[in-house]
Amino acid sequence: MAKNNIAMDSSTIKQLFYRQYTNKQRIVQAILSLLVLTMGGLIYVGYRDKSLLMFTWFEQLGVNGEIDILRGFLDSEGVYGWVKNSLPDGLWLFAYMFLVDAIWNGSRSINSYIFIYSLPLIALLSEFLQFFGLLPGVFDWMDVVSYSLAILLYLIIKLIK
C-alpha cells in the first residue's frame, strides 16, 4: 500500500493554523454571545414585572412554577431600575453584534457591516422616534446609554483583536 504524503510548505501550515485558530475563535465568540444573551434573559425573567407577555407564554408552556422558583432565589430589592430595565437590552444588542461578527468571521465587507450595525441603528433610532412621538413607546435615556455602551464595548473588542 502506498502512502499519500502531502508536502506542506510553511505558508500552507500557517494557513491551516490560522484557519483552525479563527474557527476556535468564532466558536468562543458564539459561546460568549449566548452567555451574554442568557444573562440578559435571566435579568428579564428574574426581575421584570409579571405582566409582560413572556410570563403568559411561560404559563402556557407549563413552566410557571420553575420561573417562580428562580424569581424566589433572586432578591429584587437591591437591583437598580437600570439593571432591571435597560441592561438586558444592552446585553442583547452586544450579543447580537458579537455573534453576527463571528458568523461573518470578522469580514470587513459592506454586507457584514450592514448585518452587524443594522440592529444597533434600529435600536437607537427607535428610541429617538419615541422621543419625538413618531413611534409608540416611552423614550428612555438609559436605554440609549445601554445601546451605546453595547456598541462601544463591541468596537473596543474589535480594536483590541
C-alpha atoms as a PDB file:
ATOM      1  CA  MET A   1       0.000   0.000   0.000  1.00  0.00           C
ATOM      2  CA  ALA A   2       1.312   3.374  -0.971  1.00  0.00           C
ATOM      3  CA  LYS A   3       1.212   6.219   1.488  1.00  0.00           C
ATOM      4  CA  ASN A   4      -0.099   9.572   0.378  1.00  0.00           C
ATOM      5  CA  ASN A   5       2.455  12.079   1.535  1.00  0.00           C
ATOM      6  CA  ILE A   6       1.409  15.656   1.105  1.00  0.00           C
ATOM      7  CA  ALA A   7       4.269  18.068   1.074  1.00  0.00           C
ATOM      8  CA  MET A   8       3.460  21.197   3.007  1.00  0.00           C
ATOM      9  CA  ASP A   9       5.478  24.328   2.890  1.00  0.00           C
ATOM     10  CA  SER A  10       5.494  26.824   5.734  1.00  0.00           C
ATOM     11  CA  SER A  11       2.834  29.069   4.173  1.00  0.00           C
ATOM     12  CA  THR A  12       0.400  26.141   3.886  1.00  0.00           C
ATOM     13  CA  ILE A  13       0.989  25.223   7.529  1.00  0.00           C
ATOM     14  CA  LYS A  14       0.434  28.865   8.566  1.00  0.00           C
ATOM     15  CA  GLN A  15      -2.830  28.970   6.592  1.00  0.00           C
ATOM     16  CA  LEU A  16      -4.057  25.758   8.228  1.00  0.00           C
ATOM     17  CA  PHE A  17      -3.121  27.039  11.682  1.00  0.00           C
ATOM     18  CA  TYR A  18      -4.794  30.403  11.047  1.00  0.00           C
ATOM     19  CA  ARG A  19      -7.987  28.735   9.773  1.00  0.00           C
ATOM     20  CA  GLN A  20      -8.070  26.474  12.844  1.00  0.00           C
ATOM     21  CA  TYR A  21      -7.440  29.423  15.146  1.00  0.00           C
ATOM     22  CA  THR A  22     -10.169  31.538  13.626  1.00  0.00           C
ATOM     23  CA  ASN A  23     -12.655  28.662  13.815  1.00  0.00           C
ATOM     24  CA  LYS A  24     -11.889  28.229  17.512  1.00  0.00           C
ATOM     25  CA  GLN A  25     -12.139  31.985  17.978  1.00  0.00           C
ATOM     26  CA  ARG A  26     -15.525  32.021  16.219  1.00  0.00           C
ATOM     27  CA  ILE A  27     -16.806  29.226  18.471  1.00  0.00           C
ATOM     28  CA  VAL A  28     -15.646  31.114  21.570  1.00  0.00           C
ATOM     29  CA  GLN A  29     -17.349  34.262  20.273  1.00  0.00           C
ATOM     30  CA  ALA A  30     -20.587  32.357  19.678  1.00  0.00           C
ATOM     31  CA  ILE A  31     -20.488  30.799  23.159  1.00  0.00           C
ATOM     32  CA  LEU A  32     -19.780  34.178  24.798  1.00  0.00           C
ATOM     33  CA  SER A  33     -22.639  35.724  22.816  1.00  0.00           C
ATOM     34  CA  LEU A  34     -25.025  33.052  24.028  1.00  0.00           C
ATOM     35  CA  LEU A  35     -23.861  33.548  27.632  1.00  0.00           C
ATOM     36  CA  VAL A  36     -24.397  37.313  27.415  1.00  0.00           C
ATOM     37  CA  LEU A  37     -27.809  36.722  25.823  1.00  0.00           C
ATOM     38  CA  THR A  38     -28.694  34.306  28.623  1.00  0.00           C
ATOM     39  CA  MET A  39     -27.643  36.860  31.258  1.00  0.00           C
ATOM     40  CA  GLY A  40     -29.971  39.437  29.716  1.00  0.00           C
ATOM     41  CA  GLY A  41     -32.770  36.886  29.588  1.00  0.00           C
ATOM     42  CA  LEU A  42     -32.290  35.881  33.216  1.00  0.00           C
ATOM     43  CA  ILE A  43     -32.445  39.514  34.306  1.00  0.00           C
ATOM     44  CA  TYR A  44     -35.734  39.892  32.436  1.00  0.00           C
ATOM     45  CA  VAL A  45     -37.214  36.680  33.808  1.00  0.00           C
ATOM     46  CA  GLY A  46     -35.895  37.244  37.313  1.00  0.00           C
ATOM     47  CA  TYR A  47     -36.691  40.898  37.850  1.00  0.00           C
ATOM     48  CA  ARG A  48     -39.249  42.227  35.374  1.00  0.00           C
ATOM     49  CA  ASP A  49     -42.942  42.660  36.130  1.00  0.00           C
ATOM     50  CA  LYS A  50     -45.026  39.529  35.634  1.00  0.00           C
ATOM     51  CA  SER A  51     -47.494  41.452  33.465  1.00  0.00           C
ATOM     52  CA  LEU A  52     -45.133  41.111  30.488  1.00  0.00           C
ATOM     53  CA  LEU A  53     -46.295  38.881  27.652  1.00  0.00           C
ATOM     54  CA  MET A  54     -43.466  36.387  28.152  1.00  0.00           C
ATOM     55  CA  PHE A  55     -44.923  35.354  31.517  1.00  0.00           C
ATOM     56  CA  THR A  56     -48.157  34.379  29.755  1.00  0.00           C
ATOM     57  CA  TRP A  57     -46.048  32.209  27.440  1.00  0.00           C
ATOM     58  CA  PHE A  58     -44.326  30.614  30.438  1.00  0.00           C
ATOM     59  CA  GLU A  59     -47.731  29.807  31.892  1.00  0.00           C
ATOM     60  CA  GLN A  60     -48.873  28.262  28.598  1.00  0.00           C
ATOM     61  CA  LEU A  61     -45.662  26.202  28.459  1.00  0.00           C
ATOM     62  CA  GLY A  62     -46.288  24.993  31.991  1.00  0.00           C
ATOM     63  CA  VAL A  63     -43.028  26.349  33.437  1.00  0.00           C
ATOM     64  CA  ASN A  64     -44.563  28.956  35.737  1.00  0.00           C
ATOM     65  CA  GLY A  65     -43.503  27.022  38.852  1.00  0.00           C
ATOM     66  CA  GLU A  66     -39.871  26.905  37.743  1.00  0.00           C
ATOM     67  CA  ILE A  67     -39.937  30.625  36.936  1.00  0.00           C
ATOM     68  CA  ASP A  68     -41.361  31.395  40.381  1.00  0.00           C
ATOM     69  CA  ILE A  69     -38.592  29.310  42.000  1.00  0.00           C
ATOM     70  CA  LEU A  70     -35.957  31.254  40.016  1.00  0.00           C
ATOM     71  CA  ARG A  71     -37.543  34.558  40.991  1.00  0.00           C
ATOM     72  CA  GLY A  72     -37.600  33.424  44.632  1.00  0.00           C
ATOM     73  CA  PHE A  73     -33.812  32.954  44.612  1.00  0.00           C
ATOM     74  CA  LEU A  74     -33.258  36.458  43.303  1.00  0.00           C
ATOM     75  CA  ASP A  75     -33.556  39.437  45.602  1.00  0.00           C
ATOM     76  CA  SER A  76     -35.000  42.323  43.619  1.00  0.00           C
ATOM     77  CA  GLU A  77     -34.745  44.826  46.468  1.00  0.00           C
ATOM     78  CA  GLY A  78     -31.124  45.767  45.757  1.00  0.00           C
ATOM     79  CA  VAL A  79     -31.374  45.787  41.972  1.00  0.00           C
ATOM     80  CA  TYR A  80     -31.454  49.236  40.431  1.00  0.00           C
ATOM     81  CA  GLY A  81     -34.004  50.149  37.772  1.00  0.00           C
ATOM     82  CA  TRP A  82     -31.307  50.416  35.097  1.00  0.00           C
ATOM     83  CA  VAL A  83     -30.234  46.812  35.714  1.00  0.00           C
ATOM     84  CA  LYS A  84     -33.837  45.601  35.506  1.00  0.00           C
ATOM     85  CA  ASN A  85     -34.992  47.696  32.588  1.00  0.00           C
ATOM     86  CA  SER A  86     -32.113  48.773  30.362  1.00  0.00           C
ATOM     87  CA  LEU A  87     -29.122  46.495  30.951  1.00  0.00           C
ATOM     88  CA  PRO A  88     -30.784  43.453  29.312  1.00  0.00           C
ATOM     89  CA  ASP A  89     -31.340  45.476  26.132  1.00  0.00           C
ATOM     90  CA  GLY A  90     -27.671  46.433  26.002  1.00  0.00           C
ATOM     91  CA  LEU A  91     -26.594  42.846  26.694  1.00  0.00           C
ATOM     92  CA  TRP A  92     -28.817  41.514  23.932  1.00  0.00           C
ATOM     93  CA  LEU A  93     -27.572  44.130  21.479  1.00  0.00           C
ATOM     94  CA  PHE A  94     -23.943  43.314  22.293  1.00  0.00           C
ATOM     95  CA  ALA A  95     -24.632  39.565  21.983  1.00  0.00           C
ATOM     96  CA  TYR A  96     -26.223  40.160  18.576  1.00  0.00           C
ATOM     97  CA  MET A  97     -23.266  42.194  17.269  1.00  0.00           C
ATOM     98  CA  PHE A  98     -20.685  39.765  18.657  1.00  0.00           C
ATOM     99  CA  LEU A  99     -22.487  36.705  17.247  1.00  0.00           C
ATOM    100  CA  VAL A 100     -23.052  38.238  13.811  1.00  0.00           C
ATOM    101  CA  ASP A 101     -19.374  39.197  13.724  1.00  0.00           C
ATOM    102  CA  ALA A 102     -18.485  35.553  14.467  1.00  0.00           C
ATOM    103  CA  ILE A 103     -20.828  34.362  11.719  1.00  0.00           C
ATOM    104  CA  TRP A 104     -19.234  36.748   9.230  1.00  0.00           C
ATOM    105  CA  ASN A 105     -15.792  35.672  10.506  1.00  0.00           C
ATOM    106  CA  GLY A 106     -14.609  39.217  11.072  1.00  0.00           C
ATOM    107  CA  SER A 107     -15.243  40.155   7.451  1.00  0.00           C
ATOM    108  CA  ARG A 108     -14.879  43.788   6.534  1.00  0.00           C
ATOM    109  CA  SER A 109     -17.318  43.647   3.644  1.00  0.00           C
ATOM    110  CA  ILE A 110     -20.190  46.078   3.268  1.00  0.00           C
ATOM    111  CA  ASN A 111     -22.637  43.192   3.732  1.00  0.00           C
ATOM    112  CA  SER A 112     -21.123  42.242   7.097  1.00  0.00           C
ATOM    113  CA  TYR A 113     -21.310  45.846   8.275  1.00  0.00           C
ATOM    114  CA  ILE A 114     -24.973  46.031   7.204  1.00  0.00           C
ATOM    115  CA  PHE A 115     -25.788  42.916   9.231  1.00  0.00           C
ATOM    116  CA  ILE A 116     -23.723  43.901  12.269  1.00  0.00           C
ATOM    117  CA  TYR A 117     -24.855  47.519  12.544  1.00  0.00           C
ATOM    118  CA  SER A 118     -28.468  47.310  11.341  1.00  0.00           C
ATOM    119  CA  LEU A 119     -29.924  46.292  14.706  1.00  0.00           C
ATOM    120  CA  PRO A 120     -27.942  48.864  16.731  1.00  0.00           C
ATOM    121  CA  LEU A 121     -29.077  51.559  14.329  1.00  0.00           C
ATOM    122  CA  ILE A 122     -32.704  50.398  14.567  1.00  0.00           C
ATOM    123  CA  ALA A 123     -32.487  50.273  18.386  1.00  0.00           C
ATOM    124  CA  LEU A 124     -31.126  53.809  18.695  1.00  0.00           C
ATOM    125  CA  LEU A 125     -33.432  55.161  16.005  1.00  0.00           C
ATOM    126  CA  SER A 126     -36.490  53.633  17.686  1.00  0.00           C
ATOM    127  CA  GLU A 127     -35.648  55.359  20.964  1.00  0.00           C
ATOM    128  CA  PHE A 128     -35.355  58.752  19.295  1.00  0.00           C
ATOM    129  CA  LEU A 129     -38.524  58.188  17.272  1.00  0.00           C
ATOM    130  CA  GLN A 130     -40.253  57.527  20.606  1.00  0.00           C
ATOM    131  CA  PHE A 131     -38.804  60.789  21.914  1.00  0.00           C
ATOM    132  CA  PHE A 132     -40.428  62.720  19.047  1.00  0.00           C
ATOM    133  CA  GLY A 133     -43.703  60.774  19.338  1.00  0.00           C
ATOM    134  CA  LEU A 134     -43.252  59.149  15.923  1.00  0.00           C
ATOM    135  CA  LEU A 135     -43.158  55.635  17.366  1.00  0.00           C
ATOM    136  CA  PRO A 136     -45.280  54.265  20.208  1.00  0.00           C
ATOM    137  CA  GLY A 137     -43.425  53.639  23.427  1.00  0.00           C
ATOM    138  CA  VAL A 138     -41.602  55.514  26.136  1.00  0.00           C
ATOM    139  CA  PHE A 139     -38.283  57.187  25.376  1.00  0.00           C
ATOM    140  CA  ASP A 140     -35.619  56.326  27.936  1.00  0.00           C
ATOM    141  CA  TRP A 141     -32.158  57.867  28.111  1.00  0.00           C
ATOM    142  CA  MET A 142     -30.926  54.809  29.990  1.00  0.00           C
ATOM    143  CA  ASP A 143     -31.869  52.602  27.009  1.00  0.00           C
ATOM    144  CA  VAL A 144     -29.860  54.931  24.770  1.00  0.00           C
ATOM    145  CA  VAL A 145     -26.930  54.654  27.197  1.00  0.00           C
ATOM    146  CA  SER A 146     -27.219  50.834  27.286  1.00  0.00           C
ATOM    147  CA  TYR A 147     -27.309  50.599  23.494  1.00  0.00           C
ATOM    148  CA  SER A 148     -24.376  52.996  23.191  1.00  0.00           C
ATOM    149  CA  LEU A 149     -22.313  51.076  25.763  1.00  0.00           C
ATOM    150  CA  ALA A 150     -23.012  47.810  23.920  1.00  0.00           C
ATOM    151  CA  ILE A 151     -21.827  49.343  20.635  1.00  0.00           C
ATOM    152  CA  LEU A 152     -18.788  50.893  22.327  1.00  0.00           C
ATOM    153  CA  LEU A 153     -17.824  47.610  24.010  1.00  0.00           C
ATOM    154  CA  TYR A 154     -18.114  45.773  20.691  1.00  0.00           C
ATOM    155  CA  LEU A 155     -15.921  48.387  18.943  1.00  0.00           C
ATOM    156  CA  ILE A 156     -13.299  48.254  21.725  1.00  0.00           C
ATOM    157  CA  ILE A 157     -13.112  44.466  21.463  1.00  0.00           C
ATOM    158  CA  LYS A 158     -12.754  44.738  17.681  1.00  0.00           C
ATOM    159  CA  LEU A 159      -9.915  47.232  18.085  1.00  0.00           C
ATOM    160  CA  ILE A 160      -8.116  45.009  20.598  1.00  0.00           C
ATOM    161  CA  LYS A 161      -8.459  41.975  18.323  1.00  0.00           C
END
